[in-house]
Protein backbone atom coordinates (compact mmCIF):
# COMPACT_ATOMS: atom_id res chain seq x y z
CA MET A 1 13.96 13.90 26.57
CA THR A 2 13.88 10.85 28.33
CA HIS A 3 10.03 9.38 28.60
CA ASP A 4 8.26 7.35 30.39
CA LEU A 5 4.85 5.11 30.20
CA PRO A 6 3.03 6.79 27.33
CA ARG A 7 0.21 8.19 28.92
CA ALA A 8 1.77 9.67 31.56
CA CYS A 9 4.73 11.66 29.01
CA PRO A 10 5.57 14.70 28.25
CA PHE A 11 4.21 16.49 24.40
CA SER A 12 4.71 18.79 22.28
CA ARG A 13 1.66 21.46 21.09
CA ARG A 14 2.01 19.22 17.80
CA ALA A 15 2.38 16.13 18.99
CA ALA A 16 -0.82 17.12 21.10
CA GLU A 17 -2.28 17.98 17.93
CA PHE A 18 -1.11 15.58 15.29
CA ASP A 19 -4.21 14.29 13.55
CA PRO A 20 -3.22 11.29 10.40
CA PHE A 21 -6.84 11.37 10.10
CA GLY A 22 -7.15 15.11 9.04
CA ASP A 23 -6.61 17.06 5.92
CA GLY A 24 -2.87 18.07 6.04
CA TYR A 25 -1.86 14.49 6.63
CA GLN A 26 -4.08 13.06 3.79
CA GLN A 27 -3.36 15.53 1.49
CA ASP A 28 0.36 15.78 1.93
CA PRO A 29 2.22 13.02 4.69
CA PRO A 30 5.58 14.77 4.40
CA GLY A 31 4.98 17.93 4.45
CA TYR A 32 3.24 17.43 7.71
CA LEU A 33 5.56 16.36 9.64
CA ARG A 34 8.52 18.69 7.75
CA TRP A 35 8.23 20.08 11.66
CA SER A 36 8.74 16.51 13.14
CA ARG A 37 11.53 15.28 10.98
CA GLU A 38 13.20 18.71 11.54
CA GLU A 39 12.32 19.62 15.25
CA GLU A 40 10.76 15.86 17.17
CA PRO A 41 11.33 12.95 14.92
CA VAL A 42 9.77 10.94 17.92
CA PHE A 43 7.00 11.65 19.84
CA TYR A 44 3.73 10.19 21.96
CA SER A 45 0.20 10.66 20.37
CA PRO A 46 -2.09 11.34 23.05
CA LYS A 47 -5.13 11.07 20.53
CA LEU A 48 -4.23 7.31 18.76
CA ASP A 49 -1.56 6.26 21.80
CA TYR A 50 1.32 5.89 19.49
CA TRP A 51 4.43 6.70 18.89
CA VAL A 52 5.52 8.17 15.60
CA VAL A 53 9.03 7.82 14.81
CA THR A 54 9.19 10.33 11.21
CA ARG A 55 13.27 10.23 9.71
CA TYR A 56 14.60 7.47 7.85
CA ASP A 57 17.75 6.34 9.99
CA SER A 58 15.00 5.27 12.77
CA VAL A 59 12.82 3.79 9.44
CA ARG A 60 14.82 1.51 8.18
CA ALA A 61 16.24 0.95 11.27
CA ILE A 62 13.15 -0.25 12.92
CA PHE A 63 12.39 -2.29 9.24
CA ARG A 64 15.34 -4.11 9.56
CA ASP A 65 15.00 -5.31 13.41
CA ASN A 66 12.08 -7.70 13.60
CA VAL A 67 12.55 -8.85 16.81
CA SER A 68 12.95 -5.59 19.01
CA TYR A 69 9.87 -4.08 17.10
CA SER A 70 7.46 -6.93 15.70
CA PRO A 71 5.21 -6.20 13.63
CA ALA A 72 2.33 -8.57 14.91
CA ILE A 73 0.40 -5.37 14.63
CA ALA A 74 0.50 -4.41 11.64
CA LEU A 75 -2.59 -5.27 10.72
CA GLU A 76 -4.71 -4.63 13.75
CA LYS A 77 -7.84 -2.13 13.75
CA ILE A 78 -5.96 1.07 14.77
CA THR A 79 -9.48 2.07 15.44
CA PRO A 80 -10.87 -0.69 17.61
CA THR A 81 -14.65 -1.31 17.08
CA GLY A 82 -17.89 -1.52 19.00
CA GLU A 83 -19.22 -4.45 20.50
CA GLU A 84 -22.38 -4.72 17.76
CA ALA A 85 -19.86 -4.65 14.98
CA ASN A 86 -17.55 -7.16 16.45
CA ALA A 87 -20.79 -9.00 16.92
CA VAL A 88 -21.43 -8.93 12.85
CA LEU A 89 -17.49 -9.91 12.15
CA ALA A 90 -18.16 -13.13 14.78
CA SER A 91 -21.24 -14.12 12.55
CA TYR A 92 -19.62 -14.69 10.04
CA GLY A 93 -16.81 -16.76 11.50
CA TYR A 94 -14.28 -14.31 10.53
CA ALA A 95 -10.90 -15.54 11.93
CA PRO A 96 -7.69 -13.70 9.72
CA GLY A 97 -4.86 -15.69 11.23
CA ARG A 98 -1.29 -14.23 10.69
CA THR A 99 0.11 -12.91 6.98
CA LEU A 100 3.35 -12.69 5.70
CA VAL A 101 2.98 -9.19 6.64
CA ASN A 102 2.28 -9.13 10.14
CA GLU A 103 3.96 -12.55 10.85
CA ASP A 104 7.20 -12.43 13.60
CA GLU A 105 10.45 -14.57 13.16
CA PRO A 106 10.94 -17.77 12.74
CA MET A 107 7.73 -18.93 11.05
CA HIS A 108 7.94 -15.54 8.47
CA THR A 109 10.67 -16.14 6.82
CA ALA A 110 9.80 -19.52 6.76
CA ARG A 111 6.57 -18.73 5.17
CA ARG A 112 8.35 -16.05 2.48
CA ARG A 113 10.57 -18.90 1.70
CA ALA A 114 7.84 -21.47 0.79
CA LEU A 115 5.75 -18.76 -1.32
CA MET A 116 8.07 -16.54 -2.43
CA ALA A 117 9.08 -18.53 -6.28
CA PRO A 118 6.27 -16.54 -8.11
CA PHE A 119 7.67 -13.17 -7.16
CA ALA A 120 10.58 -13.83 -9.14
CA PRO A 121 11.29 -11.19 -11.62
CA GLU A 122 11.41 -13.85 -13.71
CA GLU A 123 7.98 -14.59 -13.23
CA VAL A 124 6.62 -10.95 -12.71
CA ALA A 125 8.21 -10.59 -16.17
CA LYS A 126 5.84 -12.68 -18.05
CA PHE A 127 2.53 -10.65 -17.14
CA GLU A 128 3.97 -7.95 -19.19
CA PRO A 129 1.08 -8.82 -22.55
CA LEU A 130 -1.18 -8.85 -20.41
CA VAL A 131 -0.32 -5.41 -18.64
CA ARG A 132 -0.10 -4.02 -22.02
CA ARG A 133 -3.29 -5.93 -23.76
CA LEU A 134 -5.70 -4.35 -20.42
CA THR A 135 -3.81 -0.90 -20.69
CA ASN A 136 -4.35 -0.59 -24.50
CA ASP A 137 -7.88 -1.94 -24.14
CA TYR A 138 -8.73 0.07 -21.61
CA ILE A 139 -6.95 3.11 -22.90
CA ASP A 140 -9.69 2.74 -25.79
CA ARG A 141 -12.46 2.93 -24.53
CA PHE A 142 -12.37 6.45 -23.60
CA ILE A 143 -9.59 8.11 -25.90
CA ALA A 144 -11.96 9.69 -28.16
CA ASP A 145 -13.56 11.60 -24.96
CA GLY A 146 -10.39 13.62 -24.33
CA ARG A 147 -10.71 13.63 -20.66
CA ALA A 148 -11.46 10.83 -18.01
CA ASP A 149 -11.23 9.66 -14.50
CA LEU A 150 -8.01 7.88 -14.49
CA VAL A 151 -9.05 5.59 -11.27
CA GLU A 152 -12.37 5.06 -11.60
CA GLN A 153 -11.94 4.92 -15.52
CA ILE A 154 -8.76 2.32 -15.76
CA LEU A 155 -6.50 2.38 -12.38
CA TRP A 156 -8.96 -0.08 -10.26
CA GLU A 157 -10.02 -2.16 -12.57
CA LEU A 158 -6.50 -3.24 -14.44
CA PRO A 159 -4.98 -4.09 -11.63
CA LEU A 160 -7.72 -5.81 -9.99
CA THR A 161 -7.47 -8.08 -12.99
CA VAL A 162 -3.95 -8.56 -12.74
CA ALA A 163 -3.93 -8.87 -9.66
CA LEU A 164 -6.06 -12.02 -10.41
CA HIS A 165 -4.80 -13.70 -12.68
CA PHE A 166 -1.67 -12.77 -10.80
CA LEU A 167 -3.09 -14.99 -8.10
CA GLY A 168 -4.89 -17.94 -9.68
CA ILE A 169 -8.95 -16.12 -8.99
CA PRO A 170 -12.00 -16.01 -11.66
CA GLU A 171 -12.51 -12.26 -12.82
CA GLU A 172 -16.14 -12.50 -11.98
CA ASP A 173 -17.41 -10.24 -9.56
CA MET A 174 -14.83 -7.57 -9.75
CA PRO A 175 -17.58 -4.70 -8.19
CA MET A 176 -17.79 -7.21 -5.05
CA LEU A 177 -14.52 -6.69 -4.90
CA ARG A 178 -13.76 -3.16 -4.53
CA LYS A 179 -16.47 -2.66 -1.59
CA TYR A 180 -15.15 -5.37 0.09
CA SER A 181 -11.85 -4.26 -0.57
CA ILE A 182 -12.17 -0.37 0.66
CA ALA A 183 -13.98 -1.91 3.41
CA HIS A 184 -11.21 -3.50 4.66
CA THR A 185 -9.05 -0.84 4.27
CA VAL A 186 -11.57 1.78 6.60
CA ASN A 187 -11.81 -1.27 8.93
CA THR A 188 -7.82 -2.10 9.68
CA TRP A 189 -6.52 1.21 9.58
CA GLY A 190 -9.36 3.61 9.33
CA ARG A 191 -12.08 5.69 11.50
CA PRO A 192 -15.02 4.53 10.66
CA ARG A 193 -17.81 6.45 12.56
CA PRO A 194 -19.75 4.20 14.76
CA GLU A 195 -22.81 4.14 12.63
CA GLN A 196 -20.05 2.81 9.40
CA GLN A 197 -19.11 0.06 11.45
CA VAL A 198 -22.14 -1.79 11.09
CA ALA A 199 -21.92 -2.21 7.56
CA VAL A 200 -18.76 -2.28 7.13
CA ALA A 201 -18.01 -5.57 9.26
CA HIS A 202 -20.54 -7.20 6.77
CA ALA A 203 -18.81 -6.20 4.04
CA VAL A 204 -15.81 -7.37 5.67
CA GLY A 205 -16.98 -10.77 6.72
CA ASN A 206 -18.62 -10.82 2.86
CA PHE A 207 -15.05 -11.17 2.06
CA TRP A 208 -14.01 -13.34 3.95
CA ASN A 209 -16.51 -16.13 2.81
CA TYR A 210 -15.81 -14.89 -0.21
CA ALA A 211 -12.04 -15.34 -0.17
CA GLY A 212 -12.79 -19.47 1.16
CA GLU A 213 -15.24 -20.28 -1.35
CA VAL A 214 -12.43 -19.22 -3.97
CA LEU A 215 -10.26 -21.37 -1.79
CA ALA A 216 -12.44 -24.02 -1.62
CA LYS A 217 -13.04 -23.93 -5.91
CA LEU A 218 -9.00 -23.65 -6.07
CA ARG A 219 -8.82 -27.40 -3.68
CA ARG A 220 -11.03 -28.43 -6.18
CA ASP A 221 -8.60 -28.09 -9.01
CA PRO A 222 -5.57 -26.53 -8.41
CA SER A 223 -3.41 -27.28 -10.69
CA GLY A 224 -3.87 -23.78 -12.67
CA PRO A 225 -1.79 -21.44 -12.56
CA GLY A 226 -1.81 -18.71 -9.76
CA TRP A 227 -0.04 -17.64 -6.33
CA MET A 228 -3.14 -19.64 -4.46
CA PRO A 229 -2.48 -22.59 -6.38
CA TYR A 230 0.97 -23.06 -5.89
CA ALA A 231 0.39 -22.38 -1.79
CA ILE A 232 -1.74 -25.47 -2.19
CA SER A 233 0.53 -26.87 -3.70
CA GLN A 234 2.97 -25.61 -1.18
CA GLN A 235 0.88 -27.45 2.20
CA ALA A 236 1.17 -30.38 0.60
CA LEU A 237 4.76 -30.05 0.92
CA GLN A 238 4.66 -28.23 4.72
CA PRO A 239 1.95 -28.50 6.17
CA GLU A 240 2.34 -27.05 9.67
CA VAL A 241 4.26 -23.79 7.54
CA VAL A 242 1.12 -23.46 5.24
CA THR A 243 -1.99 -23.84 7.43
CA ASP A 244 -5.67 -24.07 6.32
CA ASN A 245 -6.47 -21.32 8.30
CA TYR A 246 -3.60 -19.33 5.96
CA LEU A 247 -3.97 -19.86 2.99
CA HIS A 248 -7.38 -18.23 3.59
CA THR A 249 -5.71 -15.09 5.54
CA ILE A 250 -3.76 -15.02 2.42
CA MET A 251 -6.34 -15.38 -0.27
CA MET A 252 -7.83 -12.29 1.48
CA ALA A 253 -5.72 -10.47 2.19
CA GLY A 254 -3.79 -11.01 -1.31
CA ILE A 255 -6.28 -9.59 -2.96
CA VAL A 256 -6.49 -5.95 -1.10
CA ALA A 257 -2.21 -6.63 -1.07
CA ALA A 258 -1.83 -7.37 -5.21
CA HIS A 259 -4.00 -4.64 -6.49
CA GLU A 260 -5.05 -1.81 -3.73
CA SER A 261 -1.13 -0.04 -3.41
CA THR A 262 -0.49 -0.77 -7.08
CA THR A 263 -3.73 1.05 -8.13
CA ASN A 264 -2.31 4.65 -5.18
CA ALA A 265 0.66 3.97 -6.78
CA SER A 266 -0.15 4.37 -10.33
CA ALA A 267 -2.49 7.26 -9.75
CA LEU A 268 0.23 9.28 -7.37
CA ALA A 269 2.33 8.62 -10.00
CA ILE A 270 0.69 9.81 -12.79
CA LYS A 271 -0.72 12.86 -10.90
CA LEU A 272 2.78 13.60 -9.74
CA LEU A 273 3.78 13.95 -12.95
CA LEU A 274 1.59 15.81 -14.54
CA GLN A 275 2.07 18.43 -11.75
CA HIS A 276 5.62 18.64 -13.65
CA PRO A 277 5.08 18.99 -17.07
CA ASP A 278 8.59 19.15 -17.85
CA ALA A 279 9.65 15.69 -16.64
CA TRP A 280 5.86 14.22 -17.88
CA LEU A 281 7.70 15.49 -21.55
CA GLU A 282 10.32 13.72 -20.95
CA LEU A 283 9.07 10.24 -20.60
CA CYS A 284 7.42 10.80 -23.60
CA ARG A 285 10.60 11.53 -25.39
CA ASP A 286 12.65 8.86 -23.94
CA PRO A 287 10.50 6.39 -22.14
CA GLY A 288 13.86 4.65 -21.53
CA LEU A 289 13.67 7.20 -18.79
CA ILE A 290 10.24 5.73 -16.70
CA PRO A 291 11.94 3.15 -14.38
CA ASN A 292 14.05 5.43 -12.03
CA ALA A 293 11.20 8.05 -12.94
CA ILE A 294 9.14 5.09 -10.77
CA GLN A 295 11.03 5.33 -8.21
CA GLU A 296 11.28 8.49 -7.52
CA CYS A 297 7.68 8.66 -7.35
CA LEU A 298 7.26 5.85 -5.16
CA ARG A 299 10.30 8.44 -3.48
CA HIS A 300 8.32 11.69 -3.63
CA ASN A 301 4.30 10.11 -2.58
CA GLY A 302 4.45 6.94 -2.15
CA SER A 303 0.74 5.16 -1.94
CA ILE A 304 1.91 3.53 1.77
CA ALA A 305 2.39 6.06 3.60
CA ALA A 306 2.62 4.48 7.12
CA TRP A 307 3.13 0.72 8.36
CA ARG A 308 3.26 -0.05 12.37
CA ARG A 309 5.47 -2.42 15.05
CA ILE A 310 5.35 -3.14 18.46
CA THR A 311 8.12 -2.65 20.60
CA THR A 312 9.05 -6.17 22.10
CA ARG A 313 11.55 -4.71 24.37
CA ASP A 314 12.78 -1.16 26.27
CA VAL A 315 14.73 0.99 23.35
CA CYS A 316 15.69 3.86 22.81
CA ILE A 317 15.23 6.08 19.64
CA GLU A 318 16.29 9.24 18.73
CA GLY A 319 17.44 9.34 22.12
CA VAL A 320 13.64 9.18 23.49
CA ALA A 321 13.15 6.28 25.93
CA ILE A 322 10.05 3.92 24.50
CA PRO A 323 9.23 1.54 26.68
CA LYS A 324 8.41 -2.46 26.25
CA GLY A 325 5.10 -2.92 24.44
CA ALA A 326 4.28 0.72 23.22
CA ARG A 327 3.18 0.56 19.73
CA LEU A 328 4.87 2.86 16.77
CA LEU A 329 3.59 4.75 13.75
CA ILE A 330 6.12 4.34 11.45
CA VAL A 331 5.94 7.18 9.11
CA ASN A 332 7.87 5.94 6.50
CA SER A 333 6.51 8.75 3.21
CA SER A 334 8.12 11.44 6.03
CA ALA A 335 11.03 9.31 5.73
CA ASN A 336 11.38 9.45 2.12
CA HIS A 337 11.59 13.04 2.40
CA ASP A 338 14.23 13.35 5.46
CA ALA A 339 17.04 16.05 3.68
CA ALA A 340 20.26 13.95 6.27
CA HIS A 341 19.83 11.05 3.75
CA PHE A 342 18.08 12.65 -0.12
CA THR A 343 19.34 16.12 -1.19
CA GLU A 344 16.58 18.62 -1.57
CA PRO A 345 13.92 15.77 -0.78
CA ASP A 346 10.92 17.88 -1.74
CA ARG A 347 12.56 18.67 -5.30
CA PHE A 348 10.64 16.20 -8.15
CA ASP A 349 13.48 14.64 -10.14
CA ILE A 350 13.60 12.35 -11.84
CA HIS A 351 17.39 11.75 -12.02
CA ARG A 352 17.25 11.01 -8.99
CA ALA A 353 20.50 8.54 -8.40
CA ASP A 354 19.64 7.29 -4.93
CA ALA A 355 15.80 7.77 -5.80
CA ALA A 356 15.68 3.57 -5.74
CA GLN A 357 16.01 4.00 -1.98
CA HIS A 358 12.88 4.75 -0.51
CA LEU A 359 11.40 2.97 1.75
CA THR A 360 7.58 2.84 0.33
CA PHE A 361 7.74 -0.83 -0.15
CA GLY A 362 9.31 -0.99 3.20
CA PHE A 363 12.81 -2.81 3.98
CA GLY A 364 14.55 -5.61 5.05
CA ALA A 365 13.03 -9.08 5.74
CA HIS A 366 9.65 -7.50 5.10
CA HIS A 367 10.69 -5.62 2.05
CA CYS A 368 7.00 -6.07 -0.01
CA LEU A 369 7.15 -9.01 -2.06
CA GLY A 370 4.97 -7.42 -4.97
CA ASN A 371 7.37 -4.54 -5.44
CA HIS A 372 8.40 -5.99 -9.40
CA LEU A 373 4.68 -7.08 -9.73
CA ALA A 374 3.83 -3.31 -8.58
CA ARG A 375 6.82 -1.19 -10.66
CA LEU A 376 5.88 -3.94 -13.63
CA GLU A 377 2.71 -2.34 -13.64
CA MET A 378 3.30 0.98 -13.66
CA ARG A 379 6.24 0.68 -16.40
CA VAL A 380 4.10 -0.45 -18.36
CA MET A 381 1.00 1.72 -18.44
CA LEU A 382 3.19 4.98 -18.03
CA GLU A 383 4.37 3.64 -21.48
CA GLU A 384 1.54 2.86 -23.15
CA PHE A 385 0.24 6.63 -21.95
CA THR A 386 2.95 8.57 -22.93
CA ARG A 387 3.05 7.11 -26.15
CA ARG A 388 -1.06 8.01 -26.81
CA ILE A 389 -1.98 10.60 -25.04
CA PRO A 390 1.32 12.26 -24.26
CA LEU A 391 -0.15 16.02 -23.80
CA MET A 392 -2.37 14.85 -21.39
CA ARG A 393 -3.38 17.19 -18.38
CA LEU A 394 -4.91 17.81 -14.90
CA ALA A 395 -8.20 18.94 -14.91
CA ARG A 396 -8.99 20.85 -12.54
CA GLN A 397 -10.93 19.47 -9.49
CA ARG A 398 -9.78 19.02 -5.58
CA PHE A 399 -8.07 15.71 -4.82
CA SER A 400 -9.73 13.42 -1.89
CA TYR A 401 -7.91 10.50 -0.17
CA LEU A 402 -10.01 7.76 1.72
CA TYR A 403 -9.17 8.84 4.84
CA ASN A 404 -6.40 6.40 6.46
CA THR A 405 -3.57 6.13 8.06
CA SER A 406 -1.64 4.25 6.25
CA PHE A 407 -3.02 3.22 2.31
CA ARG A 408 -3.39 6.86 0.32
CA GLY A 409 -4.17 7.55 -3.71
CA PRO A 410 -6.90 9.56 -5.08
CA GLU A 411 -10.13 8.62 -4.66
CA HIS A 412 -10.42 10.48 -8.39
CA LEU A 413 -8.34 11.44 -11.21
CA TRP A 414 -9.34 13.59 -13.64
CA VAL A 415 -6.87 14.26 -16.65
CA GLU A 416 -8.15 16.01 -20.03
CA TRP A 417 -6.47 16.71 -23.57
CA ASP A 418 -7.11 16.96 -27.13
CA ALA A 419 -8.93 14.57 -28.36
CA ARG A 420 -7.62 15.56 -31.58
CA VAL A 421 -3.73 14.60 -31.13
CA THR A 422 -3.59 11.00 -29.58
CA PHE A 423 -1.55 7.91 -31.47
CA PRO A 424 -3.03 4.89 -32.06
């Protein structure tokens, strides 16, 4: 079936009903979109005014072709804000530029090359002692209780602390950073109600100013460790590539990107493993299985559900003609459950040989720079949890999510164990 301009094109009943802000998508994006993978892998959503792509090969091809499918809208607000909220943002001087996430070529490659050295596996490995110490410090605080909300009591703060160390930012103001980070997610990928938009705008504006203040402090003494001091040093060498606005933008975006997806991925992984007790016990007996188990968790239930692109020319995806200027929601979490690529994709298997082929971290030139750090944190936390609290189990609860199209993780993760059977 050939489609004309999006607003004039025919679409099925299910396409018309597609709602990424509804509970079905939030609880289980791949399950919610199974019908699309099987019947209508590319469809126009009138509610979003986006084309939605759900199969593995198509999603990977879009990630690979950054010329035909520009990432320019990756951080665009999916829900336009009203005049009052926009005026609030303007009052803070909020003016973010492009980042590695939404940068077109050739500037994307130039900036990535200039800033990627601290993300190398050998550099990231230096953070393992810090992650292990922090993990055990947090576990010590609640291990005797026999019950904990892991999101509240470790999984938010630990990745944020590691992110600040990685970026070279002081640890103070952590509670405020959490508020700012949530507001940034809602502002970009959520659907805040009109009465919420002004409050969110104030939080985002304050976040922007905070990022500028920290950047100014680091500029006065950029000799310390961390990605931001490194970026400041690169500005001296390549001022046309690493500009002032770019440093300010990545200071703010980096705080969110370096910790939020890791928090969510860790919570989803532990939830998934505890929903499969046999797999959890296997990891307790053989921690060497943890790295591949993490890849399977990222494939089966990853923290990044979807990305966005805009077409720069007329294209054809799965036989569907899509015009230049069309906005795409590419649902990589659905692609990770494509039966044409993964055998029995809905089955959770920590021994799956091709688990690492998931698209949760993207693919190609825009593959997530921080993936090594995220997987290191997840590995160390799972090593310590399986060692110290092997009989941990999920408590009875209803899981809720911060409703948005792209970044997902449970807002709470209650677990229980017999406090008499733990290890130091």
